[in-house]
Amino acid sequence: MNINDKSVLDLLNKLIVINRLNKVQILQMVNLVDISNDINDLKENLKWESSNSYL
């Protein structure tokens, strides 16, 4: 996903609002956007990151 694309930014903003993400989660999301193929992939990557952050 291209973070410079307006539609991607709109999707990210919606995710932030709907899921009430905090600053750390938003930074994680921004870092994962480049390696994610689509929004579902991004959500899975975020889940994986959050589950491994406590190990």
PDB file of N, CA and C in Angstrom:
ATOM      1  N   MET A   1       0.846  -1.174   0.000  1.00  0.00           N
ATOM      2  CA  MET A   1       0.000   0.000   0.000  1.00  0.00           C
ATOM      3  C   MET A   1       0.893   1.238   0.000  1.00  0.00           C
ATOM      4  N   ASN A   2       0.456   2.232  -0.706  1.00  0.00           N
ATOM      5  CA  ASN A   2       1.217   3.468  -0.806  1.00  0.00           C
ATOM      6  C   ASN A   2       0.631   4.510   0.148  1.00  0.00           C
ATOM      7  N   ILE A   3       1.408   4.866   1.145  1.00  0.00           N
ATOM      8  CA  ILE A   3       0.917   5.805   2.158  1.00  0.00           C
ATOM      9  C   ILE A   3       0.690   7.204   1.585  1.00  0.00           C
ATOM     10  N   ASN A   4       1.260   7.502   0.442  1.00  0.00           N
ATOM     11  CA  ASN A   4       1.074   8.812  -0.183  1.00  0.00           C
ATOM     12  C   ASN A   4      -0.207   8.910  -1.002  1.00  0.00           C
ATOM     13  N   ASP A   5      -0.894   7.806  -1.146  1.00  0.00           N
ATOM     14  CA  ASP A   5      -2.151   7.765  -1.885  1.00  0.00           C
ATOM     15  C   ASP A   5      -3.288   8.268  -0.979  1.00  0.00           C
ATOM     16  N   LYS A   6      -4.076   9.185  -1.498  1.00  0.00           N
ATOM     17  CA  LYS A   6      -5.153   9.783  -0.704  1.00  0.00           C
ATOM     18  C   LYS A   6      -6.156   8.741  -0.220  1.00  0.00           C
ATOM     19  N   SER A   7      -6.482   7.765  -1.022  1.00  0.00           N
ATOM     20  CA  SER A   7      -7.454   6.747  -0.605  1.00  0.00           C
ATOM     21  C   SER A   7      -6.898   5.896   0.544  1.00  0.00           C
ATOM     22  N   VAL A   8      -5.599   5.639   0.511  1.00  0.00           N
ATOM     23  CA  VAL A   8      -4.969   4.887   1.599  1.00  0.00           C
ATOM     24  C   VAL A   8      -4.987   5.713   2.884  1.00  0.00           C
ATOM     25  N   LEU A   9      -4.682   6.984   2.768  1.00  0.00           N
ATOM     26  CA  LEU A   9      -4.726   7.860   3.940  1.00  0.00           C
ATOM     27  C   LEU A   9      -6.125   7.936   4.534  1.00  0.00           C
ATOM     28  N   ASP A  10      -7.122   7.979   3.683  1.00  0.00           N
ATOM     29  CA  ASP A  10      -8.505   7.993   4.160  1.00  0.00           C
ATOM     30  C   ASP A  10      -8.832   6.713   4.919  1.00  0.00           C
ATOM     31  N   LEU A  11      -8.385   5.580   4.384  1.00  0.00           N
ATOM     32  CA  LEU A  11      -8.600   4.297   5.060  1.00  0.00           C
ATOM     33  C   LEU A  11      -7.904   4.262   6.420  1.00  0.00           C
ATOM     34  N   LEU A  12      -6.679   4.743   6.457  1.00  0.00           N
ATOM     35  CA  LEU A  12      -5.931   4.764   7.716  1.00  0.00           C
ATOM     36  C   LEU A  12      -6.620   5.652   8.744  1.00  0.00           C
ATOM     37  N   ASN A  13      -7.099   6.794   8.302  1.00  0.00           N
ATOM     38  CA  ASN A  13      -7.817   7.686   9.220  1.00  0.00           C
ATOM     39  C   ASN A  13      -9.079   7.041   9.764  1.00  0.00           C
ATOM     40  N   LYS A  14      -9.783   6.316   8.923  1.00  0.00           N
ATOM     41  CA  LYS A  14     -10.982   5.611   9.374  1.00  0.00           C
ATOM     42  C   LYS A  14     -10.628   4.550  10.402  1.00  0.00           C
ATOM     43  N   LEU A  15      -9.550   3.815  10.146  1.00  0.00           N
ATOM     44  CA  LEU A  15      -9.106   2.797  11.102  1.00  0.00           C
ATOM     45  C   LEU A  15      -8.750   3.419  12.450  1.00  0.00           C
ATOM     46  N   ILE A  16      -8.080   4.537  12.405  1.00  0.00           N
ATOM     47  CA  ILE A  16      -7.685   5.222  13.637  1.00  0.00           C
ATOM     48  C   ILE A  16      -8.914   5.624  14.439  1.00  0.00           C
ATOM     49  N   VAL A  17      -9.893   6.177  13.766  1.00  0.00           N
ATOM     50  CA  VAL A  17     -11.101   6.651  14.452  1.00  0.00           C
ATOM     51  C   VAL A  17     -11.947   5.484  14.949  1.00  0.00           C
ATOM     52  N   ILE A  18     -12.182   4.513  14.103  1.00  0.00           N
ATOM     53  CA  ILE A  18     -13.056   3.388  14.466  1.00  0.00           C
ATOM     54  C   ILE A  18     -12.459   2.575  15.613  1.00  0.00           C
ATOM     55  N   ASN A  19     -11.157   2.315  15.538  1.00  0.00           N
ATOM     56  CA  ASN A  19     -10.509   1.478  16.548  1.00  0.00           C
ATOM     57  C   ASN A  19      -9.916   2.273  17.706  1.00  0.00           C
ATOM     58  N   ARG A  20     -10.045   3.594  17.632  1.00  0.00           N
ATOM     59  CA  ARG A  20      -9.550   4.480  18.686  1.00  0.00           C
ATOM     60  C   ARG A  20      -8.100   4.150  19.043  1.00  0.00           C
ATOM     61  N   LEU A  21      -7.267   4.156  18.012  1.00  0.00           N
ATOM     62  CA  LEU A  21      -5.870   3.794  18.190  1.00  0.00           C
ATOM     63  C   LEU A  21      -5.109   4.863  18.967  1.00  0.00           C
ATOM     64  N   ASN A  22      -4.168   4.403  19.776  1.00  0.00           N
ATOM     65  CA  ASN A  22      -3.329   5.351  20.500  1.00  0.00           C
ATOM     66  C   ASN A  22      -2.089   5.684  19.657  1.00  0.00           C
ATOM     67  N   LYS A  23      -1.217   6.519  20.173  1.00  0.00           N
ATOM     68  CA  LYS A  23      -0.063   6.982  19.396  1.00  0.00           C
ATOM     69  C   LYS A  23       0.856   5.842  18.981  1.00  0.00           C
ATOM     70  N   VAL A  24       1.094   4.915  19.876  1.00  0.00           N
ATOM     71  CA  VAL A  24       1.980   3.791  19.581  1.00  0.00           C
ATOM     72  C   VAL A  24       1.372   2.924  18.473  1.00  0.00           C
ATOM     73  N   GLN A  25       0.089   2.668  18.551  1.00  0.00           N
ATOM     74  CA  GLN A  25      -0.591   1.866  17.535  1.00  0.00           C
ATOM     75  C   GLN A  25      -0.591   2.562  16.181  1.00  0.00           C
ATOM     76  N   ILE A  26      -0.758   3.862  16.178  1.00  0.00           N
ATOM     77  CA  ILE A  26      -0.738   4.622  14.924  1.00  0.00           C
ATOM     78  C   ILE A  26       0.641   4.546  14.288  1.00  0.00           C
ATOM     79  N   LEU A  27       1.681   4.687  15.093  1.00  0.00           N
ATOM     80  CA  LEU A  27       3.046   4.575  14.557  1.00  0.00           C
ATOM     81  C   LEU A  27       3.325   3.181  14.009  1.00  0.00           C
ATOM     82  N   GLN A  28       2.845   2.155  14.700  1.00  0.00           N
ATOM     83  CA  GLN A  28       2.987   0.786  14.196  1.00  0.00           C
ATOM     84  C   GLN A  28       2.285   0.641  12.857  1.00  0.00           C
ATOM     85  N   MET A  29       1.083   1.176  12.773  1.00  0.00           N
ATOM     86  CA  MET A  29       0.306   1.073  11.554  1.00  0.00           C
ATOM     87  C   MET A  29       1.029   1.749  10.390  1.00  0.00           C
ATOM     88  N   VAL A  30       1.549   2.934  10.630  1.00  0.00           N
ATOM     89  CA  VAL A  30       2.252   3.669   9.578  1.00  0.00           C
ATOM     90  C   VAL A  30       3.476   2.876   9.101  1.00  0.00           C
ATOM     91  N   ASN A  31       4.173   2.239  10.026  1.00  0.00           N
ATOM     92  CA  ASN A  31       5.337   1.438   9.646  1.00  0.00           C
ATOM     93  C   ASN A  31       4.953   0.189   8.860  1.00  0.00           C
ATOM     94  N   LEU A  32       3.765  -0.336   9.107  1.00  0.00           N
ATOM     95  CA  LEU A  32       3.338  -1.570   8.443  1.00  0.00           C
ATOM     96  C   LEU A  32       2.640  -1.343   7.104  1.00  0.00           C
ATOM     97  N   VAL A  33       2.274  -0.127   6.813  1.00  0.00           N
ATOM     98  CA  VAL A  33       1.543   0.160   5.572  1.00  0.00           C
ATOM     99  C   VAL A  33       2.359  -0.246   4.347  1.00  0.00           C
ATOM    100  N   ASP A  34       3.634   0.059   4.349  1.00  0.00           N
ATOM    101  CA  ASP A  34       4.476  -0.231   3.182  1.00  0.00           C
ATOM    102  C   ASP A  34       4.583  -1.725   2.879  1.00  0.00           C
ATOM    103  N   ILE A  35       4.559  -2.559   3.893  1.00  0.00           N
ATOM    104  CA  ILE A  35       4.718  -3.996   3.661  1.00  0.00           C
ATOM    105  C   ILE A  35       3.386  -4.722   3.505  1.00  0.00           C
ATOM    106  N   SER A  36       2.297  -4.007   3.670  1.00  0.00           N
ATOM    107  CA  SER A  36       0.966  -4.613   3.553  1.00  0.00           C
ATOM    108  C   SER A  36       0.438  -4.460   2.130  1.00  0.00           C
ATOM    109  N   ASN A  37      -0.206  -5.517   1.656  1.00  0.00           N
ATOM    110  CA  ASN A  37      -0.758  -5.515   0.297  1.00  0.00           C
ATOM    111  C   ASN A  37      -2.105  -4.806   0.211  1.00  0.00           C
ATOM    112  N   ASP A  38      -2.900  -4.933   1.263  1.00  0.00           N
ATOM    113  CA  ASP A  38      -4.213  -4.303   1.287  1.00  0.00           C
ATOM    114  C   ASP A  38      -4.619  -4.069   2.737  1.00  0.00           C
ATOM    115  N   ILE A  39      -5.821  -3.577   2.935  1.00  0.00           N
ATOM    116  CA  ILE A  39      -6.270  -3.221   4.274  1.00  0.00           C
ATOM    117  C   ILE A  39      -6.392  -4.448   5.174  1.00  0.00           C
ATOM    118  N   ASN A  40      -6.815  -5.565   4.631  1.00  0.00           N
ATOM    119  CA  ASN A  40      -6.925  -6.785   5.428  1.00  0.00           C
ATOM    120  C   ASN A  40      -5.547  -7.276   5.862  1.00  0.00           C
ATOM    121  N   ASP A  41      -4.607  -7.180   4.973  1.00  0.00           N
ATOM    122  CA  ASP A  41      -3.232  -7.550   5.298  1.00  0.00           C
ATOM    123  C   ASP A  41      -2.683  -6.634   6.394  1.00  0.00           C
ATOM    124  N   LEU A  42      -2.990  -5.371   6.310  1.00  0.00           N
ATOM    125  CA  LEU A  42      -2.562  -4.419   7.322  1.00  0.00           C
ATOM    126  C   LEU A  42      -3.155  -4.769   8.683  1.00  0.00           C
ATOM    127  N   LYS A  43      -4.423  -5.099   8.716  1.00  0.00           N
ATOM    128  CA  LYS A  43      -5.075  -5.474   9.974  1.00  0.00           C
ATOM    129  C   LYS A  43      -4.423  -6.717  10.571  1.00  0.00           C
ATOM    130  N   GLU A  44      -4.128  -7.699   9.747  1.00  0.00           N
ATOM    131  CA  GLU A  44      -3.468  -8.912  10.223  1.00  0.00           C
ATOM    132  C   GLU A  44      -2.069  -8.608  10.750  1.00  0.00           C
ATOM    133  N   ASN A  45      -1.350  -7.752  10.054  1.00  0.00           N
ATOM    134  CA  ASN A  45      -0.011  -7.370  10.509  1.00  0.00           C
ATOM    135  C   ASN A  45      -0.076  -6.631  11.842  1.00  0.00           C
ATOM    136  N   LEU A  46      -1.069  -5.797  12.003  1.00  0.00           N
ATOM    137  CA  LEU A  46      -1.236  -5.084  13.276  1.00  0.00           C
ATOM    138  C   LEU A  46      -1.548  -6.053  14.417  1.00  0.00           C
ATOM    139  N   LYS A  47      -2.406  -7.022  14.143  1.00  0.00           N
ATOM    140  CA  LYS A  47      -2.720  -8.031  15.160  1.00  0.00           C
ATOM    141  C   LYS A  47      -1.472  -8.803  15.548  1.00  0.00           C
ATOM    142  N   TRP A  48      -0.708  -9.191  14.540  1.00  0.00           N
ATOM    143  CA  TRP A  48       0.507  -9.959  14.793  1.00  0.00           C
ATOM    144  C   TRP A  48       1.505  -9.140  15.606  1.00  0.00           C
ATOM    145  N   GLU A  49       1.679  -7.888  15.239  1.00  0.00           N
ATOM    146  CA  GLU A  49       2.595  -7.006  15.967  1.00  0.00           C
ATOM    147  C   GLU A  49       2.163  -6.809  17.407  1.00  0.00           C
ATOM    148  N   SER A  50       0.895  -6.610  17.623  1.00  0.00           N
ATOM    149  CA  SER A  50       0.417  -6.368  18.985  1.00  0.00           C
ATOM    150  C   SER A  50       0.518  -7.628  19.835  1.00  0.00           C
ATOM    151  N   SER A  51       0.339  -8.795  19.246  1.00  0.00           N
ATOM    152  CA  SER A  51       0.454 -10.026  20.019  1.00  0.00           C
ATOM    153  C   SER A  51       1.900 -10.336  20.361  1.00  0.00           C
ATOM    154  N   ASN A  52       2.847  -9.896  19.530  1.00  0.00           N
ATOM    155  CA  ASN A  52       4.262 -10.160  19.784  1.00  0.00           C
ATOM    156  C   ASN A  52       4.939  -9.076  20.594  1.00  0.00           C
ATOM    157  N   SER A  53       4.295  -7.980  20.806  1.00  0.00           N
ATOM    158  CA  SER A  53       4.944  -6.873  21.529  1.00  0.00           C
ATOM    159  C   SER A  53       5.053  -7.169  23.023  1.00  0.00           C
ATOM    160  N   TYR A  54       4.325  -8.136  23.505  1.00  0.00           N
ATOM    161  CA  TYR A  54       4.353  -8.462  24.932  1.00  0.00           C
ATOM    162  C   TYR A  54       5.238  -9.654  25.238  1.00  0.00           C
ATOM    163  N   LEU A  55       5.928 -10.184  24.240  1.00  0.00           N
ATOM    164  CA  LEU A  55       6.795 -11.359  24.468  1.00  0.00           C
ATOM    165  C   LEU A  55       8.119 -10.962  25.054  1.00  0.00           C
TER     166      LEU A  55
END
